[in-house]
C-alpha atoms as a PDB file:
ATOM      1  CA  UNK A   1     137.445  98.936 122.779  1.00  0.00           C
ATOM      2  CA  UNK A   2     133.948 100.091 123.727  1.00  0.00           C
ATOM      3  CA  UNK A   3     134.074 103.026 121.281  1.00  0.00           C
ATOM      4  CA  UNK A   4     134.963 100.703 118.409  1.00  0.00           C
ATOM      5  CA  UNK A   5     132.106  98.396 119.399  1.00  0.00           C
ATOM      6  CA  UNK A   6     129.679 101.330 119.435  1.00  0.00           C
ATOM      7  CA  UNK A   7     130.890 102.447 116.029  1.00  0.00           C
ATOM      8  CA  UNK A   8     130.457  98.975 114.619  1.00  0.00           C
ATOM      9  CA  UNK A   9     126.911  98.765 115.979  1.00  0.00           C
ATOM     10  CA  UNK A  10     125.955 102.170 114.574  1.00  0.00           C
ATOM     11  CA  UNK A  11     127.445 101.376 111.177  1.00  0.00           C
ATOM     12  CA  UNK A  12     125.692  98.000 111.152  1.00  0.00           C
ATOM     13  CA  UNK A  13     122.307  99.605 111.820  1.00  0.00           C
ATOM     14  CA  UNK A  14     122.849 102.515 109.447  1.00  0.00           C
ATOM     15  CA  UNK A  15     123.395  99.993 106.672  1.00  0.00           C
ATOM     16  CA  UNK A  16     120.482  97.763 107.695  1.00  0.00           C
ATOM     17  CA  UNK A  17     117.366  97.428 105.529  1.00  0.00           C
ATOM     18  CA  UNK A  18     115.260  98.524 108.502  1.00  0.00           C
ATOM     19  CA  UNK A  19     117.128 101.819 108.904  1.00  0.00           C
ATOM     20  CA  UNK A  20     117.178 102.464 105.161  1.00  0.00           C
ATOM     21  CA  UNK A  21     113.408 101.908 104.999  1.00  0.00           C
ATOM     22  CA  UNK A  22     112.917 104.255 107.947  1.00  0.00           C
ATOM     23  CA  UNK A  23     115.024 106.949 106.316  1.00  0.00           C
ATOM     24  CA  UNK A  24     113.046 106.494 103.084  1.00  0.00           C
ATOM     25  CA  UNK A  25     109.739 106.925 104.978  1.00  0.00           C
ATOM     26  CA  UNK A  26     111.028 110.179 106.460  1.00  0.00           C
ATOM     27  CA  UNK A  27     112.348 111.489 103.155  1.00  0.00           C
ATOM     28  CA  UNK A  28     109.162 110.579 101.285  1.00  0.00           C
ATOM     29  CA  UNK A  29     107.343 113.115 103.435  1.00  0.00           C
ATOM     30  CA  UNK A  30     109.996 115.713 104.216  1.00  0.00           C
ATOM     31  CA  UNK A  31     111.505 116.313 100.787  1.00  0.00           C
ATOM     32  CA  UNK A  32     108.297 116.908  98.795  1.00  0.00           C
ATOM     33  CA  UNK A  33     106.892 119.197 101.479  1.00  0.00           C
ATOM     34  CA  UNK A  34     110.176 121.100 101.812  1.00  0.00           C
ATOM     35  CA  UNK A  35     110.412 121.612  98.050  1.00  0.00           C
ATOM     36  CA  UNK A  36     106.737 122.564  97.818  1.00  0.00           C
ATOM     37  CA  UNK A  37     107.013 125.065 100.631  1.00  0.00           C
ATOM     38  CA  UNK A  38     110.188 126.614  99.215  1.00  0.00           C
ATOM     39  CA  UNK A  39     108.539 127.024  95.804  1.00  0.00           C
ATOM     40  CA  UNK A  40     105.513 128.615  97.498  1.00  0.00           C
ATOM     41  CA  UNK A  41     107.730 130.878  99.656  1.00  0.00           C
ATOM     42  CA  UNK A  42     109.947 132.079  96.803  1.00  0.00           C
ATOM     43  CA  UNK A  43     106.909 132.558  94.564  1.00  0.00           C
ATOM     44  CA  UNK A  44     105.516 134.892  97.211  1.00  0.00           C
ATOM     45  CA  UNK A  45     108.824 136.794  97.381  1.00  0.00           C
ATOM     46  CA  UNK A  46     109.037 137.061  93.591  1.00  0.00           C
ATOM     47  CA  UNK A  47     105.428 138.213  93.300  1.00  0.00           C
ATOM     48  CA  UNK A  48     105.850 140.917  95.916  1.00  0.00           C
ATOM     49  CA  UNK A  49     109.100 142.016  94.280  1.00  0.00           C
ATOM     50  CA  UNK A  50     108.239 141.950  90.588  1.00  0.00           C
ATOM     51  CA  UNK A  51     104.433 141.914  90.354  1.00  0.00           C
ATOM     52  CA  UNK A  52     103.538 144.804  92.624  1.00  0.00           C
ATOM     53  CA  UNK A  53     100.482 145.775  90.598  1.00  0.00           C
ATOM     54  CA  UNK A  54      99.119 142.251  90.825  1.00  0.00           C
ATOM     55  CA  UNK A  55      99.652 141.807  94.576  1.00  0.00           C
ATOM     56  CA  UNK A  56      98.306 145.316  95.220  1.00  0.00           C
ATOM     57  CA  UNK A  57      94.896 144.159  94.001  1.00  0.00           C
ATOM     58  CA  UNK A  58      92.351 144.849  96.761  1.00  0.00           C
ATOM     59  CA  UNK A  59      90.599 141.741  98.051  1.00  0.00           C
ATOM     60  CA  UNK A  60      88.276 143.473 100.515  1.00  0.00           C
ATOM     61  CA  UNK A  61      88.557 146.848 102.226  1.00  0.00           C
ATOM     62  CA  UNK A  62      92.194 147.783 102.783  1.00  0.00           C
ATOM     63  CA  UNK A  63      93.306 144.149 102.518  1.00  0.00           C
ATOM     64  CA  UNK A  64      95.191 143.403  99.315  1.00  0.00           C
ATOM     65  CA  UNK A  65      96.401 140.172  97.748  1.00  0.00           C
ATOM     66  CA  UNK A  66      99.939 140.588  99.177  1.00  0.00           C
ATOM     67  CA  UNK A  67      98.558 140.647 102.711  1.00  0.00           C
ATOM     68  CA  UNK A  68      96.452 137.541 102.085  1.00  0.00           C
ATOM     69  CA  UNK A  69      99.442 135.693 100.606  1.00  0.00           C
ATOM     70  CA  UNK A  70     101.605 136.735 103.572  1.00  0.00           C
ATOM     71  CA  UNK A  71      99.060 135.385 106.063  1.00  0.00           C
ATOM     72  CA  UNK A  72      98.839 132.175 104.027  1.00  0.00           C
ATOM     73  CA  UNK A  73     102.610 131.728 104.524  1.00  0.00           C
ATOM     74  CA  UNK A  74     101.967 131.378 108.259  1.00  0.00           C
ATOM     75  CA  UNK A  75      98.968 129.130 107.710  1.00  0.00           C
ATOM     76  CA  UNK A  76     100.994 126.902 105.388  1.00  0.00           C
ATOM     77  CA  UNK A  77     103.783 126.599 107.953  1.00  0.00           C
ATOM     78  CA  UNK A  78     101.401 125.463 110.684  1.00  0.00           C
ATOM     79  CA  UNK A  79      99.542 123.071 108.371  1.00  0.00           C
ATOM     80  CA  UNK A  80     102.791 121.418 107.279  1.00  0.00           C
ATOM     81  CA  UNK A  81     103.918 121.107 110.914  1.00  0.00           C
ATOM     82  CA  UNK A  82     100.559 119.556 111.842  1.00  0.00           C
ATOM     83  CA  UNK A  83     100.688 117.146 108.880  1.00  0.00           C
ATOM     84  CA  UNK A  84     104.246 116.159 109.750  1.00  0.00           C
ATOM     85  CA  UNK A  85     103.268 115.486 113.361  1.00  0.00           C
ATOM     86  CA  UNK A  86     100.448 113.208 112.203  1.00  0.00           C
ATOM     87  CA  UNK A  87     102.683 111.462 109.668  1.00  0.00           C
ATOM     88  CA  UNK A  88     105.540 110.993 112.138  1.00  0.00           C
ATOM     89  CA  UNK A  89     103.237 109.645 114.829  1.00  0.00           C
ATOM     90  CA  UNK A  90     101.699 107.140 112.420  1.00  0.00           C
ATOM     91  CA  UNK A  91     104.729 106.136 110.318  1.00  0.00           C
ATOM     92  CA  UNK A  92     107.996 107.130 111.989  1.00  0.00           C
ATOM     93  CA  UNK A  93     107.794 106.985 115.775  1.00  0.00           C
ATOM     94  CA  UNK A  94     107.109 103.253 116.131  1.00  0.00           C
ATOM     95  CA  UNK A  95     109.882 102.052 113.804  1.00  0.00           C
ATOM     96  CA  UNK A  96     112.307 104.609 115.283  1.00  0.00           C
ATOM     97  CA  UNK A  97     111.629 103.357 118.797  1.00  0.00           C
ATOM     98  CA  UNK A  98     112.066  99.742 117.648  1.00  0.00           C
ATOM     99  CA  UNK A  99     115.435 100.602 116.088  1.00  0.00           C
ATOM    100  CA  UNK A 100     116.482 102.497 119.190  1.00  0.00           C
ATOM    101  CA  UNK A 101     115.650  99.549 121.440  1.00  0.00           C
ATOM    102  CA  UNK A 102     117.558  97.123 119.217  1.00  0.00           C
ATOM    103  CA  UNK A 103     120.611  99.378 119.140  1.00  0.00           C
ATOM    104  CA  UNK A 104     120.544  99.928 122.900  1.00  0.00           C
ATOM    105  CA  UNK A 105     120.245  96.180 123.571  1.00  0.00           C
ATOM    106  CA  UNK A 106     123.159  95.452 121.281  1.00  0.00           C
ATOM    107  CA  UNK A 107     125.266  98.213 122.854  1.00  0.00           C
ATOM    108  CA  UNK A 108     124.598  96.826 126.334  1.00  0.00           C
ATOM    109  CA  UNK A 109     125.461  93.259 125.333  1.00  0.00           C
END
């Protein structure tokens, strides 16, 4: 009986406006950044594969454009992680904790 009760509670909250809004807040950040990063990543791969002359352009000394773009891949990854942390702290953590508390109270009742 307890398993059915848990399932009912989870289904109830998954269909709630509060949970749907929370999921929308997450997706409004995650999806655009994921798509943007994938476009950036595959552009880098395509450039280094098919535009060798272009990415071989020296920027300074022995450093060429391909090397700069490769380093920017790492920078982009860390910037997105930092932005997500800020966004999640401001917009996701509070509502997620509120939902968690409500679900736990209902499961204990």
